[in-house]
C-alpha cells in the first residue's frame, strides 16, 4: 500500500510554520527570520519514502490585507483549504486566537483531520503548557493537539508519523526524486530576500521583490544575475549603502547559502532598480508570481 497527500500548514505570522516545514523536509526551502510576514508564497516541500509521499505546503501568516500584495498572500492561504488531506494549524505558546475569524471557522468546521501544533514550548513551563492545551482543546475540539518545538525538533518526528497514518491511500503525485514544485530561480530570489529581511529595518524588507533575470548552470559553476526591486529612490540608496557596502554584504551572504543549496560554486551579480508602487500594481504582482 502506498500513501500520498497534501498537508497544508496555516497560522498567524511568525509562529514557526517555515521552521516546521524545513524540519520535515530536511532542506531549507522556506526562509526564516524573526520578522513577521516572511513567507509570501505558498511553497511545496515534498518528503518521499518507499510507501509514502507527503506534500507539505508552507503558507503566509494570516493577516488582514492592507494592500494588493497582502491580499494575494491571503489568497495563497485560502487555497490551502481546497486541496488539503491533512490540515496543520500552528499556534505558539501564549497565543489566544487566529487573527481572521473566517479562517478560524474554516478550521473548526473542517471535515478533514486537523493537527493543532502548539509550538515554541521550549519557552514555557509545565503549568503554562497545560493551560494552553486546555484552551485550544476547547477552541478547536475537532483537532488533535501536539506540543512541539520546531526549532529544537521536539515531537517533530512523532507529528510526521501521525501525518503518514492520516494520509489516504494513493500513488505519488510527483516524481520520487523531486523536493519541491518551485523552480531554481525562486530559491535564488528567496535567499536574497532573506538577507534583506535580516539586515534592513522598518519598511525596506517589505518594499522589496527579487527578480533573477539570468541563471546559467555550467559544469562547475552557476552564474546568476538578480535585480532587487524597490518602490522609491530613497530605498534604493539604503539597499546599496555607503560605497555599496550594504549591497555587497547581502550578495556575499546569499552566495554562500546558494552554494550550499546547489552544491557548487556560485557567481552572483546584484543590481537595484526602482519599480514604483509594485505592491499595489496587479500587473507587477502577476509578473512576480502573485495572484
C-alpha atoms as a PDB file:
ATOM      1  CA  UNK A   1       0.000   0.000   0.000  1.00  0.00           C
ATOM      2  CA  UNK A   2       1.248   3.481  -0.916  1.00  0.00           C
ATOM      3  CA  UNK A   3       0.009   6.660   0.756  1.00  0.00           C
ATOM      4  CA  UNK A   4       0.195  10.205  -0.585  1.00  0.00           C
ATOM      5  CA  UNK A   5      -1.452  13.514   0.147  1.00  0.00           C
ATOM      6  CA  UNK A   6      -1.280  17.237   0.756  1.00  0.00           C
ATOM      7  CA  UNK A   7      -0.515  18.550   4.246  1.00  0.00           C
ATOM      8  CA  UNK A   8      -1.078  22.289   4.489  1.00  0.00           C
ATOM      9  CA  UNK A   9       0.325  24.454   7.292  1.00  0.00           C
ATOM     10  CA  UNK A  10      -1.532  27.613   8.336  1.00  0.00           C
ATOM     11  CA  UNK A  11      -1.379  30.023  11.274  1.00  0.00           C
ATOM     12  CA  UNK A  12      -0.626  33.568  12.367  1.00  0.00           C
ATOM     13  CA  UNK A  13       2.621  35.269  11.228  1.00  0.00           C
ATOM     14  CA  UNK A  14       5.874  34.189  12.859  1.00  0.00           C
ATOM     15  CA  UNK A  15       4.591  31.108  14.720  1.00  0.00           C
ATOM     16  CA  UNK A  16       7.191  28.808  13.119  1.00  0.00           C
ATOM     17  CA  UNK A  17       5.443  27.407  10.028  1.00  0.00           C
ATOM     18  CA  UNK A  18       8.520  27.702   7.804  1.00  0.00           C
ATOM     19  CA  UNK A  19      10.786  26.229  10.501  1.00  0.00           C
ATOM     20  CA  UNK A  20       8.462  23.236  10.775  1.00  0.00           C
ATOM     21  CA  UNK A  21       8.330  22.585   7.037  1.00  0.00           C
ATOM     22  CA  UNK A  22      12.096  22.817   6.716  1.00  0.00           C
ATOM     23  CA  UNK A  23      12.419  20.378   9.642  1.00  0.00           C
ATOM     24  CA  UNK A  24      10.077  17.910   7.925  1.00  0.00           C
ATOM     25  CA  UNK A  25      11.771  18.208   4.521  1.00  0.00           C
ATOM     26  CA  UNK A  26      15.338  18.313   5.807  1.00  0.00           C
ATOM     27  CA  UNK A  27      16.152  21.184   3.446  1.00  0.00           C
ATOM     28  CA  UNK A  28      15.858  24.958   3.745  1.00  0.00           C
ATOM     29  CA  UNK A  29      13.004  25.663   1.340  1.00  0.00           C
ATOM     30  CA  UNK A  30      11.256  28.457   3.245  1.00  0.00           C
ATOM     31  CA  UNK A  31      13.165  31.474   4.520  1.00  0.00           C
ATOM     32  CA  UNK A  32      13.181  32.021   8.268  1.00  0.00           C
ATOM     33  CA  UNK A  33      13.704  35.310  10.106  1.00  0.00           C
ATOM     34  CA  UNK A  34      12.426  36.894  13.308  1.00  0.00           C
ATOM     35  CA  UNK A  35      10.277  39.288  11.256  1.00  0.00           C
ATOM     36  CA  UNK A  36       6.594  38.645  10.573  1.00  0.00           C
ATOM     37  CA  UNK A  37       5.261  38.069   7.031  1.00  0.00           C
ATOM     38  CA  UNK A  38       8.487  36.429   5.881  1.00  0.00           C
ATOM     39  CA  UNK A  39       6.687  33.922   3.643  1.00  0.00           C
ATOM     40  CA  UNK A  40       4.874  35.494   0.696  1.00  0.00           C
ATOM     41  CA  UNK A  41       4.070  32.486  -1.483  1.00  0.00           C
ATOM     42  CA  UNK A  42       2.652  29.032  -0.979  1.00  0.00           C
ATOM     43  CA  UNK A  43       5.683  26.761  -1.145  1.00  0.00           C
ATOM     44  CA  UNK A  44       5.542  22.984  -1.500  1.00  0.00           C
ATOM     45  CA  UNK A  45       8.101  20.695   0.106  1.00  0.00           C
ATOM     46  CA  UNK A  46       7.949  17.001  -0.819  1.00  0.00           C
ATOM     47  CA  UNK A  47       9.044  14.181   1.506  1.00  0.00           C
ATOM     48  CA  UNK A  48       9.295  10.727  -0.040  1.00  0.00           C
ATOM     49  CA  UNK A  49       9.524   7.246   1.440  1.00  0.00           C
ATOM     50  CA  UNK A  50       9.189   3.794  -0.098  1.00  0.00           C
ATOM     51  CA  UNK A  51       5.482   3.676   0.697  1.00  0.00           C
ATOM     52  CA  UNK A  52       4.519   7.339   1.127  1.00  0.00           C
ATOM     53  CA  UNK A  53       4.753  10.832  -0.331  1.00  0.00           C
ATOM     54  CA  UNK A  54       3.954  13.791   1.932  1.00  0.00           C
ATOM     55  CA  UNK A  55       3.426  17.073   0.068  1.00  0.00           C
ATOM     56  CA  UNK A  56       3.816  19.871   2.601  1.00  0.00           C
ATOM     57  CA  UNK A  57       2.619  23.388   1.954  1.00  0.00           C
ATOM     58  CA  UNK A  58       4.009  26.403   3.797  1.00  0.00           C
ATOM     59  CA  UNK A  59       1.727  29.443   3.572  1.00  0.00           C
ATOM     60  CA  UNK A  60       1.986  33.134   4.524  1.00  0.00           C
ATOM     61  CA  UNK A  61       0.921  34.101   8.036  1.00  0.00           C
ATOM     62  CA  UNK A  62      -2.738  35.095   8.297  1.00  0.00           C
ATOM     63  CA  UNK A  63      -3.225  38.877   8.344  1.00  0.00           C
ATOM     64  CA  UNK A  64      -5.830  41.439   7.362  1.00  0.00           C
ATOM     65  CA  UNK A  65      -4.564  42.749   3.988  1.00  0.00           C
ATOM     66  CA  UNK A  66      -3.558  46.404   3.727  1.00  0.00           C
ATOM     67  CA  UNK A  67      -2.571  46.395   0.022  1.00  0.00           C
ATOM     68  CA  UNK A  68      -2.736  44.195  -3.077  1.00  0.00           C
ATOM     69  CA  UNK A  69       0.374  42.127  -2.297  1.00  0.00           C
ATOM     70  CA  UNK A  70      -1.024  41.121   1.100  1.00  0.00           C
ATOM     71  CA  UNK A  71      -4.412  40.307  -0.475  1.00  0.00           C
ATOM     72  CA  UNK A  72      -2.631  37.965  -2.874  1.00  0.00           C
ATOM     73  CA  UNK A  73      -0.741  36.393   0.038  1.00  0.00           C
ATOM     74  CA  UNK A  74      -4.078  35.639   1.743  1.00  0.00           C
ATOM     75  CA  UNK A  75      -5.341  34.031  -1.465  1.00  0.00           C
ATOM     76  CA  UNK A  76      -2.495  31.509  -1.088  1.00  0.00           C
ATOM     77  CA  UNK A  77      -3.764  30.742   2.423  1.00  0.00           C
ATOM     78  CA  UNK A  78      -7.355  30.295   1.208  1.00  0.00           C
ATOM     79  CA  UNK A  79      -6.161  27.827  -1.429  1.00  0.00           C
ATOM     80  CA  UNK A  80      -4.593  25.722   1.347  1.00  0.00           C
ATOM     81  CA  UNK A  81      -8.091  24.702   2.455  1.00  0.00           C
ATOM     82  CA  UNK A  82      -9.058  23.497  -1.013  1.00  0.00           C
ATOM     83  CA  UNK A  83      -6.714  20.544  -1.530  1.00  0.00           C
ATOM     84  CA  UNK A  84      -5.609  19.528   1.982  1.00  0.00           C
ATOM     85  CA  UNK A  85      -5.780  15.886   3.082  1.00  0.00           C
ATOM     86  CA  UNK A  86      -4.439  16.924   6.490  1.00  0.00           C
ATOM     87  CA  UNK A  87      -4.549  20.466   7.874  1.00  0.00           C
ATOM     88  CA  UNK A  88      -1.911  21.692  10.320  1.00  0.00           C
ATOM     89  CA  UNK A  89      -2.996  24.672  12.385  1.00  0.00           C
ATOM     90  CA  UNK A  90       0.068  26.080  14.102  1.00  0.00           C
ATOM     91  CA  UNK A  91      -0.013  28.326  17.169  1.00  0.00           C
ATOM     92  CA  UNK A  92       2.634  29.359  19.654  1.00  0.00           C
ATOM     93  CA  UNK A  93       2.712  29.402  23.443  1.00  0.00           C
ATOM     94  CA  UNK A  94       0.755  32.402  24.733  1.00  0.00           C
ATOM     95  CA  UNK A  95      -1.337  32.812  21.588  1.00  0.00           C
ATOM     96  CA  UNK A  96      -5.082  33.157  22.142  1.00  0.00           C
ATOM     97  CA  UNK A  97      -6.739  33.365  18.734  1.00  0.00           C
ATOM     98  CA  UNK A  98      -6.402  33.427  14.953  1.00  0.00           C
ATOM     99  CA  UNK A  99      -6.447  36.968  13.599  1.00  0.00           C
ATOM    100  CA  UNK A 100      -9.122  36.215  10.993  1.00  0.00           C
ATOM    101  CA  UNK A 101     -12.435  34.831  12.275  1.00  0.00           C
ATOM    102  CA  UNK A 102     -13.465  33.444   8.877  1.00  0.00           C
ATOM    103  CA  UNK A 103     -10.295  31.330   8.660  1.00  0.00           C
ATOM    104  CA  UNK A 104     -10.829  30.149  12.222  1.00  0.00           C
ATOM    105  CA  UNK A 105     -14.361  28.942  11.411  1.00  0.00           C
ATOM    106  CA  UNK A 106     -12.991  27.039   8.418  1.00  0.00           C
ATOM    107  CA  UNK A 107     -10.589  25.223  10.743  1.00  0.00           C
ATOM    108  CA  UNK A 108     -13.161  24.361  13.408  1.00  0.00           C
ATOM    109  CA  UNK A 109     -15.669  23.204  10.760  1.00  0.00           C
ATOM    110  CA  UNK A 110     -13.124  21.207   8.772  1.00  0.00           C
ATOM    111  CA  UNK A 111     -14.157  17.732   7.602  1.00  0.00           C
ATOM    112  CA  UNK A 112     -10.522  16.680   7.159  1.00  0.00           C
ATOM    113  CA  UNK A 113      -8.119  15.775  10.009  1.00  0.00           C
ATOM    114  CA  UNK A 114      -6.721  18.810  11.845  1.00  0.00           C
ATOM    115  CA  UNK A 115      -3.471  18.687  13.815  1.00  0.00           C
ATOM    116  CA  UNK A 116      -3.075  21.678  16.125  1.00  0.00           C
ATOM    117  CA  UNK A 117       0.619  22.147  16.852  1.00  0.00           C
ATOM    118  CA  UNK A 118       1.427  24.199  19.936  1.00  0.00           C
ATOM    119  CA  UNK A 119       4.890  25.475  19.030  1.00  0.00           C
ATOM    120  CA  UNK A 120       7.779  27.022  20.986  1.00  0.00           C
ATOM    121  CA  UNK A 121       7.070  25.010  24.128  1.00  0.00           C
ATOM    122  CA  UNK A 122      10.770  25.359  24.994  1.00  0.00           C
ATOM    123  CA  UNK A 123       9.802  28.909  26.050  1.00  0.00           C
ATOM    124  CA  UNK A 124       7.130  27.738  28.529  1.00  0.00           C
ATOM    125  CA  UNK A 125       6.771  25.859  31.821  1.00  0.00           C
ATOM    126  CA  UNK A 126       4.535  22.872  32.536  1.00  0.00           C
ATOM    127  CA  UNK A 127       1.753  24.919  34.106  1.00  0.00           C
ATOM    128  CA  UNK A 128       1.516  27.289  31.136  1.00  0.00           C
ATOM    129  CA  UNK A 129       1.655  24.380  28.688  1.00  0.00           C
ATOM    130  CA  UNK A 130      -1.214  22.563  30.390  1.00  0.00           C
ATOM    131  CA  UNK A 131      -3.309  25.752  30.393  1.00  0.00           C
ATOM    132  CA  UNK A 132      -2.657  26.282  26.683  1.00  0.00           C
ATOM    133  CA  UNK A 133      -3.545  22.684  25.808  1.00  0.00           C
ATOM    134  CA  UNK A 134      -6.814  23.088  27.717  1.00  0.00           C
ATOM    135  CA  UNK A 135      -7.560  26.424  25.990  1.00  0.00           C
ATOM    136  CA  UNK A 136      -7.021  25.101  22.458  1.00  0.00           C
ATOM    137  CA  UNK A 137      -8.813  21.806  23.070  1.00  0.00           C
ATOM    138  CA  UNK A 138     -11.909  23.897  23.878  1.00  0.00           C
ATOM    139  CA  UNK A 139     -11.444  26.320  20.971  1.00  0.00           C
ATOM    140  CA  UNK A 140     -10.725  23.626  18.331  1.00  0.00           C
ATOM    141  CA  UNK A 141     -12.409  20.439  19.606  1.00  0.00           C
ATOM    142  CA  UNK A 142     -12.004  18.735  16.220  1.00  0.00           C
ATOM    143  CA  UNK A 143      -8.185  18.893  16.388  1.00  0.00           C
ATOM    144  CA  UNK A 144      -5.513  16.573  17.736  1.00  0.00           C
ATOM    145  CA  UNK A 145      -3.132  18.707  19.824  1.00  0.00           C
ATOM    146  CA  UNK A 146       0.628  18.186  19.828  1.00  0.00           C
ATOM    147  CA  UNK A 147       3.040  20.342  21.859  1.00  0.00           C
ATOM    148  CA  UNK A 148       6.207  20.792  19.776  1.00  0.00           C
ATOM    149  CA  UNK A 149       9.369  22.795  19.321  1.00  0.00           C
ATOM    150  CA  UNK A 150      10.010  23.034  15.578  1.00  0.00           C
ATOM    151  CA  UNK A 151      13.362  24.738  16.205  1.00  0.00           C
ATOM    152  CA  UNK A 152      14.599  22.143  18.706  1.00  0.00           C
ATOM    153  CA  UNK A 153      12.990  19.194  16.922  1.00  0.00           C
ATOM    154  CA  UNK A 154      10.867  18.145  19.911  1.00  0.00           C
ATOM    155  CA  UNK A 155       7.921  15.931  18.865  1.00  0.00           C
ATOM    156  CA  UNK A 156       8.533  16.691  15.160  1.00  0.00           C
ATOM    157  CA  UNK A 157       9.096  13.016  14.250  1.00  0.00           C
ATOM    158  CA  UNK A 158       6.008  11.982  16.198  1.00  0.00           C
ATOM    159  CA  UNK A 159       3.852  14.514  14.335  1.00  0.00           C
ATOM    160  CA  UNK A 160       5.265  13.376  10.993  1.00  0.00           C
ATOM    161  CA  UNK A 161       4.453   9.765  11.870  1.00  0.00           C
ATOM    162  CA  UNK A 162       0.870  10.752  12.636  1.00  0.00           C
ATOM    163  CA  UNK A 163       0.636  12.604   9.325  1.00  0.00           C
ATOM    164  CA  UNK A 164       1.584   9.440   7.437  1.00  0.00           C
ATOM    165  CA  UNK A 165      -1.078   7.483   9.359  1.00  0.00           C
ATOM    166  CA  UNK A 166      -3.716  10.019   8.307  1.00  0.00           C
ATOM    167  CA  UNK A 167      -2.820  10.152   4.612  1.00  0.00           C
ATOM    168  CA  UNK A 168      -5.145   8.437   2.124  1.00  0.00           C
ATOM    169  CA  UNK A 169      -4.049   5.511   0.016  1.00  0.00           C
ATOM    170  CA  UNK A 170      -2.808   6.982  -3.253  1.00  0.00           C
ATOM    171  CA  UNK A 171       0.012   6.788  -5.798  1.00  0.00           C
ATOM    172  CA  UNK A 172       2.644   9.537  -5.688  1.00  0.00           C
ATOM    173  CA  UNK A 173       1.666  12.904  -7.147  1.00  0.00           C
ATOM    174  CA  UNK A 174       5.238  13.939  -8.007  1.00  0.00           C
ATOM    175  CA  UNK A 175       8.377  12.073  -9.112  1.00  0.00           C
ATOM    176  CA  UNK A 176      10.047  10.455  -6.105  1.00  0.00           C
ATOM    177  CA  UNK A 177      13.270  12.424  -6.522  1.00  0.00           C
ATOM    178  CA  UNK A 178      11.500  15.804  -6.528  1.00  0.00           C
ATOM    179  CA  UNK A 179      11.945  18.060  -3.484  1.00  0.00           C
ATOM    180  CA  UNK A 180       9.651  20.993  -4.335  1.00  0.00           C
ATOM    181  CA  UNK A 181       7.348  22.413  -7.002  1.00  0.00           C
ATOM    182  CA  UNK A 182       9.337  25.644  -7.263  1.00  0.00           C
ATOM    183  CA  UNK A 183      11.995  26.379  -9.936  1.00  0.00           C
ATOM    184  CA  UNK A 184      15.614  27.090  -9.052  1.00  0.00           C
ATOM    185  CA  UNK A 185      15.317  30.842  -9.645  1.00  0.00           C
ATOM    186  CA  UNK A 186      12.621  31.023  -6.956  1.00  0.00           C
ATOM    187  CA  UNK A 187      15.111  29.869  -4.315  1.00  0.00           C
ATOM    188  CA  UNK A 188      17.691  32.353  -5.539  1.00  0.00           C
ATOM    189  CA  UNK A 189      15.108  35.128  -5.091  1.00  0.00           C
ATOM    190  CA  UNK A 190      14.074  33.896  -1.650  1.00  0.00           C
ATOM    191  CA  UNK A 191      17.661  33.564  -0.413  1.00  0.00           C
ATOM    192  CA  UNK A 192      18.443  37.156  -1.406  1.00  0.00           C
ATOM    193  CA  UNK A 193      15.189  38.370   0.138  1.00  0.00           C
ATOM    194  CA  UNK A 194      16.021  36.580   3.387  1.00  0.00           C
ATOM    195  CA  UNK A 195      19.293  38.509   3.700  1.00  0.00           C
ATOM    196  CA  UNK A 196      17.416  41.773   3.153  1.00  0.00           C
ATOM    197  CA  UNK A 197      14.905  40.823   5.849  1.00  0.00           C
ATOM    198  CA  UNK A 198      17.779  40.159   8.239  1.00  0.00           C
ATOM    199  CA  UNK A 199      19.861  43.277   7.585  1.00  0.00           C
ATOM    200  CA  UNK A 200      17.365  46.065   6.870  1.00  0.00           C
ATOM    201  CA  UNK A 201      14.759  47.613   9.145  1.00  0.00           C
ATOM    202  CA  UNK A 202      11.283  49.164   9.056  1.00  0.00           C
ATOM    203  CA  UNK A 203       9.563  49.196   5.664  1.00  0.00           C
ATOM    204  CA  UNK A 204      12.572  48.315   3.487  1.00  0.00           C
ATOM    205  CA  UNK A 205      12.248  44.476   3.517  1.00  0.00           C
ATOM    206  CA  UNK A 206       8.537  44.633   2.742  1.00  0.00           C
ATOM    207  CA  UNK A 207       9.006  47.023  -0.190  1.00  0.00           C
ATOM    208  CA  UNK A 208      11.480  44.642  -1.875  1.00  0.00           C
ATOM    209  CA  UNK A 209      10.963  41.979  -4.543  1.00  0.00           C
ATOM    210  CA  UNK A 210      13.704  39.985  -6.276  1.00  0.00           C
ATOM    211  CA  UNK A 211      13.831  39.057  -9.962  1.00  0.00           C
ATOM    212  CA  UNK A 212      16.564  36.667 -11.115  1.00  0.00           C
ATOM    213  CA  UNK A 213      16.988  37.608 -14.757  1.00  0.00           C
ATOM    214  CA  UNK A 214      19.818  35.202 -15.628  1.00  0.00           C
ATOM    215  CA  UNK A 215      20.606  31.690 -14.381  1.00  0.00           C
ATOM    216  CA  UNK A 216      23.265  29.799 -16.322  1.00  0.00           C
ATOM    217  CA  UNK A 217      24.482  26.476 -14.950  1.00  0.00           C
ATOM    218  CA  UNK A 218      27.874  25.238 -16.110  1.00  0.00           C
ATOM    219  CA  UNK A 219      29.729  22.105 -15.023  1.00  0.00           C
ATOM    220  CA  UNK A 220      31.490  23.682 -12.037  1.00  0.00           C
ATOM    221  CA  UNK A 221      29.688  26.993 -11.502  1.00  0.00           C
ATOM    222  CA  UNK A 222      26.264  28.649 -11.693  1.00  0.00           C
ATOM    223  CA  UNK A 223      26.192  32.250 -12.906  1.00  0.00           C
ATOM    224  CA  UNK A 224      23.268  34.368 -11.711  1.00  0.00           C
ATOM    225  CA  UNK A 225      22.139  37.928 -12.254  1.00  0.00           C
ATOM    226  CA  UNK A 226      19.432  39.204  -9.896  1.00  0.00           C
ATOM    227  CA  UNK A 227      17.663  42.528  -9.582  1.00  0.00           C
ATOM    228  CA  UNK A 228      16.424  43.879  -6.257  1.00  0.00           C
ATOM    229  CA  UNK A 229      13.250  45.884  -6.889  1.00  0.00           C
ATOM    230  CA  UNK A 230      12.312  48.715  -4.514  1.00  0.00           C
ATOM    231  CA  UNK A 231       9.480  51.260  -4.623  1.00  0.00           C
ATOM    232  CA  UNK A 232      11.381  54.531  -4.123  1.00  0.00           C
ATOM    233  CA  UNK A 233      14.766  56.114  -4.867  1.00  0.00           C
ATOM    234  CA  UNK A 234      15.442  56.596  -1.144  1.00  0.00           C
ATOM    235  CA  UNK A 235      15.010  52.846  -0.610  1.00  0.00           C
ATOM    236  CA  UNK A 236      17.488  52.158  -3.411  1.00  0.00           C
ATOM    237  CA  UNK A 237      20.122  54.228  -1.627  1.00  0.00           C
ATOM    238  CA  UNK A 238      19.530  52.392   1.648  1.00  0.00           C
ATOM    239  CA  UNK A 239      19.795  48.977  -0.034  1.00  0.00           C
ATOM    240  CA  UNK A 240      23.105  49.906  -1.693  1.00  0.00           C
ATOM    241  CA  UNK A 241      24.576  51.600   1.384  1.00  0.00           C
ATOM    242  CA  UNK A 242      27.725  53.693   1.721  1.00  0.00           C
ATOM    243  CA  UNK A 243      30.077  52.862  -1.172  1.00  0.00           C
ATOM    244  CA  UNK A 244      27.960  49.766  -1.891  1.00  0.00           C
ATOM    245  CA  UNK A 245      28.885  48.061   1.402  1.00  0.00           C
ATOM    246  CA  UNK A 246      25.347  47.039   2.381  1.00  0.00           C
ATOM    247  CA  UNK A 247      24.571  45.507  -1.018  1.00  0.00           C
ATOM    248  CA  UNK A 248      27.905  43.680  -1.011  1.00  0.00           C
ATOM    249  CA  UNK A 249      27.088  42.097   2.370  1.00  0.00           C
ATOM    250  CA  UNK A 250      23.755  40.824   1.012  1.00  0.00           C
ATOM    251  CA  UNK A 251      25.488  39.393  -2.045  1.00  0.00           C
ATOM    252  CA  UNK A 252      28.257  37.645  -0.101  1.00  0.00           C
ATOM    253  CA  UNK A 253      25.866  36.032   2.393  1.00  0.00           C
ATOM    254  CA  UNK A 254      23.361  34.994  -0.289  1.00  0.00           C
ATOM    255  CA  UNK A 255      26.119  33.477  -2.430  1.00  0.00           C
ATOM    256  CA  UNK A 256      27.365  31.336   0.488  1.00  0.00           C
ATOM    257  CA  UNK A 257      23.867  29.970   1.155  1.00  0.00           C
ATOM    258  CA  UNK A 258      23.234  29.323  -2.532  1.00  0.00           C
ATOM    259  CA  UNK A 259      26.487  27.393  -2.865  1.00  0.00           C
ATOM    260  CA  UNK A 260      25.314  25.117  -0.034  1.00  0.00           C
ATOM    261  CA  UNK A 261      21.861  24.765  -1.593  1.00  0.00           C
ATOM    262  CA  UNK A 262      23.068  23.945  -5.112  1.00  0.00           C
ATOM    263  CA  UNK A 263      26.243  22.120  -4.086  1.00  0.00           C
ATOM    264  CA  UNK A 264      28.551  24.019  -6.433  1.00  0.00           C
ATOM    265  CA  UNK A 265      30.276  27.372  -6.889  1.00  0.00           C
ATOM    266  CA  UNK A 266      28.033  30.375  -7.483  1.00  0.00           C
ATOM    267  CA  UNK A 267      28.762  33.714  -9.151  1.00  0.00           C
ATOM    268  CA  UNK A 268      26.068  36.220  -8.167  1.00  0.00           C
ATOM    269  CA  UNK A 269      25.630  39.721  -9.583  1.00  0.00           C
ATOM    270  CA  UNK A 270      23.192  42.035  -7.775  1.00  0.00           C
ATOM    271  CA  UNK A 271      21.583  45.227  -9.062  1.00  0.00           C
ATOM    272  CA  UNK A 272      18.978  47.558  -7.559  1.00  0.00           C
ATOM    273  CA  UNK A 273      16.115  49.142  -9.531  1.00  0.00           C
ATOM    274  CA  UNK A 274      13.142  51.325  -8.632  1.00  0.00           C
ATOM    275  CA  UNK A 275       9.770  49.827  -9.561  1.00  0.00           C
ATOM    276  CA  UNK A 276       7.247  52.327  -8.212  1.00  0.00           C
ATOM    277  CA  UNK A 277       4.335  51.008  -6.137  1.00  0.00           C
ATOM    278  CA  UNK A 278       4.792  47.432  -7.356  1.00  0.00           C
ATOM    279  CA  UNK A 279       2.985  46.080  -4.254  1.00  0.00           C
ATOM    280  CA  UNK A 280      -0.272  47.682  -5.415  1.00  0.00           C
ATOM    281  CA  UNK A 281       0.084  47.000  -9.145  1.00  0.00           C
ATOM    282  CA  UNK A 282      -1.845  43.935 -10.361  1.00  0.00           C
ATOM    283  CA  UNK A 283       0.305  43.507 -13.470  1.00  0.00           C
ATOM    284  CA  UNK A 284       3.545  43.642 -11.473  1.00  0.00           C
ATOM    285  CA  UNK A 285       2.204  41.223  -8.863  1.00  0.00           C
ATOM    286  CA  UNK A 286       1.236  38.753 -11.568  1.00  0.00           C
ATOM    287  CA  UNK A 287       4.714  39.043 -13.054  1.00  0.00           C
ATOM    288  CA  UNK A 288       6.246  38.168  -9.674  1.00  0.00           C
ATOM    289  CA  UNK A 289       4.039  35.102  -9.261  1.00  0.00           C
ATOM    290  CA  UNK A 290       1.241  36.511  -7.094  1.00  0.00           C
ATOM    291  CA  UNK A 291      -2.492  36.393  -7.894  1.00  0.00           C
END
